[in-house]
Amino acid sequence: MKKIAVGMSGGVDSSVSALLLKQQGYEVFGLFMRNWHETAEDGACTAEEDYSDVRRVASLLDIPYYTIDLSKEYSERVFAHFVSEYALGRTPNPDVLCNREIKFGPFKDSAKRFGADGIATGHYAGTLIKDGKTYLTRAKDENKCQTYFLNQISNSQLQNVLFPLQGLTKAEVREIARKHGIPTAEKKDSTGVCFIGERDFRKFLSGYVPMKSGEIRTCDNKVVGTHNGVFYYTLGQRKGLGLGGEGEPWFVIKKDIINNVLYVARGECDMLYSTELIAKDFNYITDTLTAPAKVLCRIRHRQPLVLATATPINGGKDIFITFDSPVRGVAEGQYAVIYDGDICLGGGVI
């Protein structure tokens, strides 16, 4: 690969990725994606600040940059799924779908049309070529490792992809940025769902999923409060329940979508923990499992890896996962991702 398109978001990670690749001798250009068209409450375009940062970084690095509009694809392939999953009472992860359906799909295709031999992103992840096969691997910075969000990409999507931050920590990335005068060196990391940004999540979601108030009950059906819409909550949630009183904090333990009831319990009760799950429609990135295997598992980003046994079921379409020790807050709609050491095998929907 000689000519590389770097997915530049306006953040420090993609900025440093472009810098490192140029230092390594690649012909680099930036590609900025517009995935969402909306203005903030003050009338400003929410993507304009990021695009301005891309422009400043590209100017400093003396590389060309272009913009592509993938908002239609994003709306159809990611956002529509996000809304439908919430309507079913599950907790979806749009970032996972965005990687499979946008960044390593239409984005990569667009890069080819600009003459790129491959793409690079600012993900904290890596690749390993072994016995002629390409594997997705964990990053050096375990706290920032983003392989969880890449669990649904295919092996073909992984070809001709570079992850320049594979062997760096976040602190080292910021230091490189400072050393080279990159204007995004101190820029805060983006958090939450990209199309919601800093806005109130409940207010945003209510515009797409009709909400109605209902009862909050304990396991013995004692009513202890009311909720504003059962879809808003996720299993294990503690904050935002509006339940006071002395004693241990309240946690969400179950959602009854049909009857619009939210169930809670005080303290770390057993119902918050799971010993097993099924990962549906499991996506294998490179190698497949044909028999039970000891693996490392993660049920959410930044959750510590836990020991588990993964068993293919339903002809290998799904994976039955049993944990060596109970795991807290397993939520339907999220992804269970498994690893063989540093290699990410893939993931499926819980």
Protein backbone atom coordinates (compact mmCIF):
# COMPACT_ATOMS: atom_id res chain seq x y z
CA MET A 1 0.00 0.00 0.00
CA LYS A 2 1.32 3.40 -0.97
CA LYS A 3 -1.61 5.82 -0.94
CA ILE A 4 -3.67 5.84 2.26
CA ALA A 5 -6.95 7.57 3.05
CA VAL A 6 -7.11 8.46 6.74
CA GLY A 7 -10.58 8.74 8.23
CA MET A 8 -10.18 12.14 9.86
CA SER A 9 -12.82 13.09 12.41
CA GLY A 10 -11.24 16.24 13.79
CA GLY A 11 -10.00 14.45 16.90
CA VAL A 12 -6.46 13.91 18.15
CA ASP A 13 -6.40 10.17 17.36
CA SER A 14 -7.05 10.47 13.63
CA SER A 15 -4.80 13.54 13.46
CA VAL A 16 -1.84 11.64 14.92
CA SER A 17 -2.64 8.64 12.69
CA ALA A 18 -2.22 10.84 9.62
CA LEU A 19 1.03 12.28 10.99
CA LEU A 20 2.54 8.86 11.73
CA LEU A 21 1.68 7.47 8.31
CA LYS A 22 3.21 10.45 6.56
CA GLN A 23 6.37 10.01 8.64
CA GLN A 24 6.46 6.37 7.52
CA GLY A 25 6.52 7.43 3.89
CA TYR A 26 2.94 6.86 2.80
CA GLU A 27 1.14 9.22 0.46
CA VAL A 28 -1.59 10.38 2.82
CA PHE A 29 -4.83 12.25 2.36
CA GLY A 30 -7.68 12.93 4.78
CA LEU A 31 -11.29 11.89 4.29
CA PHE A 32 -13.94 13.52 6.48
CA MET A 33 -17.32 11.79 6.76
CA ARG A 34 -20.61 13.58 7.23
CA ASN A 35 -22.94 10.99 8.70
CA TRP A 36 -25.57 13.21 10.24
CA HIS A 37 -27.15 16.46 9.09
CA GLU A 38 -28.52 18.58 11.88
CA THR A 39 -27.95 21.96 13.46
CA ALA A 40 -27.47 22.60 17.15
CA GLU A 41 -29.95 24.65 19.17
CA ASP A 42 -27.88 27.79 18.54
CA GLY A 43 -28.19 27.23 14.78
CA ALA A 44 -24.59 26.14 14.21
CA CYS A 45 -23.80 23.05 12.16
CA THR A 46 -22.76 20.36 14.63
CA ALA A 47 -20.08 18.95 12.27
CA GLU A 48 -18.55 22.30 11.33
CA GLU A 49 -16.18 22.51 14.30
CA ASP A 50 -14.82 19.03 13.58
CA TYR A 51 -14.39 19.83 9.90
CA SER A 52 -12.55 23.04 10.81
CA ASP A 53 -10.13 20.98 12.92
CA VAL A 54 -9.58 18.56 10.02
CA ARG A 55 -8.79 21.53 7.80
CA ARG A 56 -6.26 22.92 10.30
CA VAL A 57 -4.53 19.56 10.83
CA ALA A 58 -4.37 18.81 7.10
CA SER A 59 -2.86 22.24 6.49
CA LEU A 60 -0.22 21.66 9.16
CA LEU A 61 0.65 18.21 7.78
CA ASP A 62 0.50 19.50 4.19
CA ILE A 63 -1.85 16.76 3.03
CA PRO A 64 -4.98 17.06 0.86
CA TYR A 65 -8.37 16.40 2.42
CA TYR A 66 -11.86 15.73 1.10
CA THR A 67 -15.39 15.42 2.44
CA ILE A 68 -17.84 12.63 1.67
CA ASP A 69 -21.53 12.60 2.62
CA LEU A 70 -22.69 9.21 3.92
CA SER A 71 -25.69 10.50 5.87
CA LYS A 72 -28.19 8.58 3.73
CA GLU A 73 -26.35 5.29 4.25
CA TYR A 74 -26.00 6.04 7.97
CA SER A 75 -29.70 6.78 8.37
CA GLU A 76 -30.75 3.60 6.56
CA ARG A 77 -28.15 1.17 7.90
CA VAL A 78 -27.42 2.42 11.43
CA PHE A 79 -29.96 4.90 12.77
CA ALA A 80 -33.05 2.95 11.66
CA HIS A 81 -31.72 -0.13 13.48
CA PHE A 82 -30.95 1.98 16.58
CA VAL A 83 -34.55 3.19 16.78
CA SER A 84 -36.12 -0.22 16.12
CA GLU A 85 -34.00 -1.88 18.82
CA TYR A 86 -34.96 0.72 21.43
CA ALA A 87 -38.61 0.21 20.51
CA LEU A 88 -38.15 -3.48 21.38
CA GLY A 89 -36.69 -2.58 24.77
CA ARG A 90 -33.13 -3.53 23.94
CA THR A 91 -29.97 -1.45 24.29
CA PRO A 92 -28.31 -1.20 20.85
CA ASN A 93 -24.76 -0.10 20.09
CA PRO A 94 -24.75 2.07 16.94
CA ASP A 95 -20.96 2.48 16.98
CA VAL A 96 -20.56 -1.23 16.19
CA LEU A 97 -22.91 -1.01 13.22
CA CYS A 98 -21.30 2.22 12.05
CA ASN A 99 -17.97 0.44 11.66
CA ARG A 100 -19.44 -2.47 9.71
CA GLU A 101 -21.97 -0.55 7.63
CA ILE A 102 -20.18 2.77 7.09
CA LYS A 103 -16.48 3.11 7.95
CA PHE A 104 -15.37 -0.23 6.56
CA GLY A 105 -18.04 -0.25 3.85
CA PRO A 106 -19.08 2.89 1.89
CA PHE A 107 -16.22 4.90 3.41
CA LYS A 108 -13.66 2.37 2.23
CA ASP A 109 -15.30 2.26 -1.22
CA SER A 110 -15.12 6.06 -1.41
CA ALA A 111 -11.44 5.98 -0.53
CA LYS A 112 -10.81 3.66 -3.49
CA ARG A 113 -12.55 6.12 -5.80
CA PHE A 114 -10.09 8.75 -4.60
CA GLY A 115 -7.26 6.43 -5.62
CA ALA A 116 -6.38 5.01 -2.19
CA ASP A 117 -4.69 1.63 -1.89
CA GLY A 118 -5.99 1.30 1.67
CA ILE A 119 -7.50 3.16 4.59
CA ALA A 120 -6.38 4.02 8.10
CA THR A 121 -8.39 4.97 11.17
CA GLY A 122 -7.63 6.28 14.63
CA HIS A 123 -9.02 3.18 16.32
CA TYR A 124 -7.01 1.70 19.18
CA ALA A 125 -6.72 -1.74 17.60
CA GLY A 126 -4.25 -3.72 15.52
CA THR A 127 -3.84 -6.34 12.85
CA LEU A 128 -1.70 -9.47 12.71
CA ILE A 129 -0.87 -11.49 9.62
CA LYS A 130 -0.35 -15.14 10.50
CA ASP A 131 -0.19 -18.09 8.12
CA GLY A 132 -1.38 -15.84 5.33
CA LYS A 133 -4.49 -14.72 7.24
CA THR A 134 -5.28 -11.30 8.71
CA TYR A 135 -6.44 -11.07 12.32
CA LEU A 136 -7.87 -8.20 14.36
CA THR A 137 -5.90 -7.75 17.59
CA ARG A 138 -6.17 -5.82 20.82
CA ALA A 139 -4.29 -2.53 21.24
CA LYS A 140 -1.47 -1.79 23.66
CA ASP A 141 -3.72 0.62 25.59
CA GLU A 142 -6.24 -1.81 27.09
CA ASN A 143 -8.33 1.01 28.55
CA LYS A 144 -8.80 2.55 25.10
CA CYS A 145 -8.86 -0.71 23.08
CA GLN A 146 -11.68 -0.41 20.54
CA THR A 147 -11.80 -3.93 19.13
CA TYR A 148 -15.18 -4.27 20.87
CA PHE A 149 -16.59 -1.74 18.40
CA LEU A 150 -14.99 -3.62 15.47
CA ASN A 151 -16.41 -7.05 16.31
CA GLN A 152 -18.87 -7.08 13.38
CA ILE A 153 -16.49 -6.31 10.52
CA SER A 154 -15.65 -9.04 8.03
CA ASN A 155 -12.23 -10.35 7.13
CA SER A 156 -12.50 -8.78 3.67
CA GLN A 157 -13.23 -5.41 5.31
CA LEU A 158 -10.07 -5.82 7.37
CA GLN A 159 -7.87 -6.12 4.30
CA ASN A 160 -5.75 -3.08 3.36
CA VAL A 161 -6.52 -1.38 6.68
CA LEU A 162 -3.93 0.27 8.92
CA PHE A 163 -4.29 1.10 12.62
CA PRO A 164 -1.36 3.45 13.33
CA LEU A 165 -2.17 3.71 17.06
CA GLN A 166 -1.90 -0.04 17.64
CA GLY A 167 1.19 0.20 19.84
CA LEU A 168 0.49 3.53 21.55
CA THR A 169 -1.33 4.64 24.68
CA LYS A 170 -3.65 7.63 24.67
CA ALA A 171 -1.13 9.60 26.73
CA GLU A 172 1.58 8.87 24.15
CA VAL A 173 -0.73 9.95 21.32
CA ARG A 174 -1.40 13.30 23.00
CA GLU A 175 2.32 13.80 23.63
CA ILE A 176 3.12 13.17 19.95
CA ALA A 177 0.44 15.69 19.03
CA ARG A 178 1.90 18.31 21.39
CA LYS A 179 5.43 17.70 20.15
CA HIS A 180 4.38 18.34 16.54
CA GLY A 181 2.09 21.27 17.27
CA ILE A 182 -1.09 19.48 16.18
CA PRO A 183 -4.00 21.79 17.08
CA THR A 184 -6.21 18.95 18.34
CA ALA A 185 -3.66 17.79 20.93
CA GLU A 186 -5.84 18.76 23.90
CA LYS A 187 -9.24 18.22 22.28
CA LYS A 188 -11.64 16.22 24.45
CA ASP A 189 -12.63 12.75 23.31
CA SER A 190 -16.13 12.51 21.90
CA THR A 191 -18.46 10.50 24.11
CA GLY A 192 -21.88 8.96 23.75
CA VAL A 193 -23.79 8.34 20.55
CA CYS A 194 -22.47 10.49 17.71
CA PHE A 195 -25.82 11.70 16.37
CA ILE A 196 -27.02 12.73 19.85
CA GLY A 197 -23.84 14.48 20.96
CA GLU A 198 -24.15 16.63 24.08
CA ARG A 199 -27.95 16.83 23.92
CA ASP A 200 -30.39 15.29 26.39
CA PHE A 201 -30.68 11.62 25.40
CA ARG A 202 -34.25 11.18 26.59
CA LYS A 203 -35.47 14.26 24.77
CA PHE A 204 -33.82 13.09 21.56
CA LEU A 205 -35.10 9.52 21.75
CA SER A 206 -38.67 10.61 22.53
CA GLY A 207 -38.81 12.21 19.09
CA TYR A 208 -38.47 8.74 17.50
CA VAL A 209 -39.77 6.22 20.05
CA PRO A 210 -43.12 7.15 21.67
CA MET A 211 -42.78 7.20 25.44
CA LYS A 212 -45.31 6.97 28.23
CA SER A 213 -44.92 6.99 31.99
CA GLY A 214 -45.42 3.84 34.02
CA GLU A 215 -44.79 2.17 37.32
CA ILE A 216 -41.46 1.29 38.90
CA ARG A 217 -41.85 -1.88 40.94
CA THR A 218 -39.75 -4.16 43.10
CA CYS A 219 -39.53 -7.92 42.50
CA ASP A 220 -42.47 -8.47 44.85
CA ASN A 221 -44.55 -5.98 42.80
CA LYS A 222 -44.44 -3.15 45.32
CA VAL A 223 -44.76 0.19 43.50
CA VAL A 224 -41.89 2.49 44.51
CA GLY A 225 -42.08 5.21 41.87
CA THR A 226 -42.83 6.11 38.27
CA HIS A 227 -40.71 6.23 35.13
CA ASN A 228 -40.98 8.43 32.05
CA GLY A 229 -40.64 5.63 29.52
CA VAL A 230 -39.30 2.13 30.05
CA PHE A 231 -37.20 2.34 26.86
CA TYR A 232 -34.89 4.93 28.44
CA TYR A 233 -33.37 2.53 30.94
CA THR A 234 -30.79 -0.22 30.73
CA LEU A 235 -30.12 -3.22 32.97
CA GLY A 236 -27.87 -2.40 35.89
CA GLN A 237 -28.57 1.33 35.62
CA ARG A 238 -28.33 3.20 38.91
CA LYS A 239 -28.52 6.91 38.12
CA GLY A 240 -31.56 8.77 36.86
CA LEU A 241 -34.21 6.59 38.52
CA GLY A 242 -35.55 9.35 40.76
CA LEU A 243 -35.83 7.00 43.73
CA GLY A 244 -34.60 8.47 46.99
CA GLY A 245 -34.74 7.19 50.52
CA GLU A 246 -32.18 5.82 52.89
CA GLY A 247 -30.34 2.58 52.39
CA GLU A 248 -28.57 1.01 49.43
CA PRO A 249 -29.04 2.50 45.94
CA TRP A 250 -31.65 1.22 43.49
CA PHE A 251 -30.69 -0.63 40.29
CA VAL A 252 -32.69 -1.58 37.20
CA ILE A 253 -33.03 -5.35 37.05
CA LYS A 254 -35.73 -5.93 34.42
CA LYS A 255 -37.86 -4.14 31.82
CA ASP A 256 -41.39 -5.29 31.00
CA ILE A 257 -42.00 -3.62 27.65
CA ILE A 258 -45.50 -5.03 27.10
CA ASN A 259 -46.87 -3.78 30.44
CA ASN A 260 -44.58 -0.72 30.59
CA VAL A 261 -43.19 -1.65 34.01
CA LEU A 262 -39.63 -1.04 35.20
CA TYR A 263 -38.36 -3.42 37.88
CA VAL A 264 -35.73 -2.36 40.40
CA ALA A 265 -33.95 -3.73 43.45
CA ARG A 266 -31.80 -2.27 46.20
CA GLY A 267 -28.10 -3.03 46.27
CA GLU A 268 -26.10 -5.58 44.32
CA CYS A 269 -28.76 -8.27 44.08
CA ASP A 270 -28.26 -11.58 42.30
CA MET A 271 -30.55 -10.54 39.42
CA LEU A 272 -27.91 -8.03 38.26
CA TYR A 273 -25.54 -10.90 37.49
CA SER A 274 -25.47 -13.52 34.73
CA THR A 275 -23.56 -16.76 34.40
CA GLU A 276 -24.36 -17.33 30.71
CA LEU A 277 -25.73 -15.76 27.55
CA ILE A 278 -26.33 -16.48 23.88
CA ALA A 279 -24.55 -14.34 21.29
CA LYS A 280 -26.89 -14.43 18.30
CA ASP A 281 -25.84 -14.32 14.64
CA PHE A 282 -22.19 -14.50 15.63
CA ASN A 283 -19.77 -12.76 13.29
CA TYR A 284 -16.41 -14.52 12.90
CA ILE A 285 -13.75 -12.10 11.72
CA THR A 286 -11.19 -14.70 10.63
CA ASP A 287 -11.24 -18.14 12.27
CA THR A 288 -14.39 -20.00 13.33
CA LEU A 289 -15.03 -22.14 16.40
CA THR A 290 -16.09 -25.72 15.74
CA ALA A 291 -15.95 -26.95 19.34
CA PRO A 292 -16.16 -25.48 22.86
CA ALA A 293 -13.16 -23.27 23.64
CA LYS A 294 -11.82 -21.25 26.55
CA VAL A 295 -11.92 -17.58 25.62
CA LEU A 296 -11.80 -14.09 27.01
CA CYS A 297 -15.10 -12.23 26.80
CA ARG A 298 -16.26 -8.62 26.96
CA ILE A 299 -19.92 -7.55 27.13
CA ARG A 300 -19.31 -3.80 26.83
CA HIS A 301 -16.55 -1.39 25.90
CA ARG A 302 -13.96 -0.94 28.67
CA GLN A 303 -15.38 -3.77 30.73
CA PRO A 304 -12.51 -5.95 31.99
CA LEU A 305 -12.03 -9.13 29.98
CA VAL A 306 -13.41 -12.18 31.78
CA LEU A 307 -12.74 -15.89 31.36
CA ALA A 308 -15.48 -17.88 29.68
CA THR A 309 -16.26 -20.95 27.60
CA ALA A 310 -17.68 -20.40 24.11
CA THR A 311 -19.70 -23.18 22.52
CA PRO A 312 -21.04 -23.01 18.95
CA ILE A 313 -24.78 -23.83 18.74
CA ASN A 314 -27.46 -23.83 16.04
CA GLY A 315 -24.99 -25.05 13.45
CA GLY A 316 -22.43 -22.43 14.49
CA LYS A 317 -24.78 -19.52 13.83
CA ASP A 318 -24.90 -18.60 17.52
CA ILE A 319 -22.47 -18.92 20.43
CA PHE A 320 -23.43 -20.09 23.93
CA ILE A 321 -21.15 -18.38 26.44
CA THR A 322 -20.73 -19.47 30.04
CA PHE A 323 -18.69 -17.30 32.40
CA ASP A 324 -16.20 -18.66 34.89
CA SER A 325 -17.60 -16.12 37.38
CA PRO A 326 -20.93 -14.21 37.28
CA VAL A 327 -20.86 -11.02 35.20
CA ARG A 328 -22.80 -7.88 36.07
CA GLY A 329 -25.14 -5.96 33.76
CA VAL A 330 -25.51 -8.22 30.72
CA ALA A 331 -27.90 -6.24 28.49
CA GLU A 332 -29.96 -7.48 25.55
CA GLY A 333 -29.08 -5.74 22.30
CA GLN A 334 -25.45 -5.14 23.22
CA TYR A 335 -22.65 -7.34 21.86
CA ALA A 336 -20.73 -10.16 23.46
CA VAL A 337 -17.22 -10.17 22.00
CA ILE A 338 -14.74 -13.01 22.46
CA TYR A 339 -10.97 -13.21 22.20
CA ASP A 340 -8.29 -15.87 21.85
CA GLY A 341 -5.57 -14.06 23.75
CA ASP A 342 -4.92 -10.86 21.84
CA ILE A 343 -6.90 -11.94 18.79
CA CYS A 344 -10.51 -10.75 18.52
CA LEU A 345 -12.52 -13.67 17.16
CA GLY A 346 -15.73 -11.66 16.67
CA GLY A 347 -19.03 -11.06 18.40
CA GLY A 348 -22.78 -11.51 18.42
CA VAL A 349 -25.85 -9.73 19.76
CA ILE A 350 -26.80 -10.66 23.32
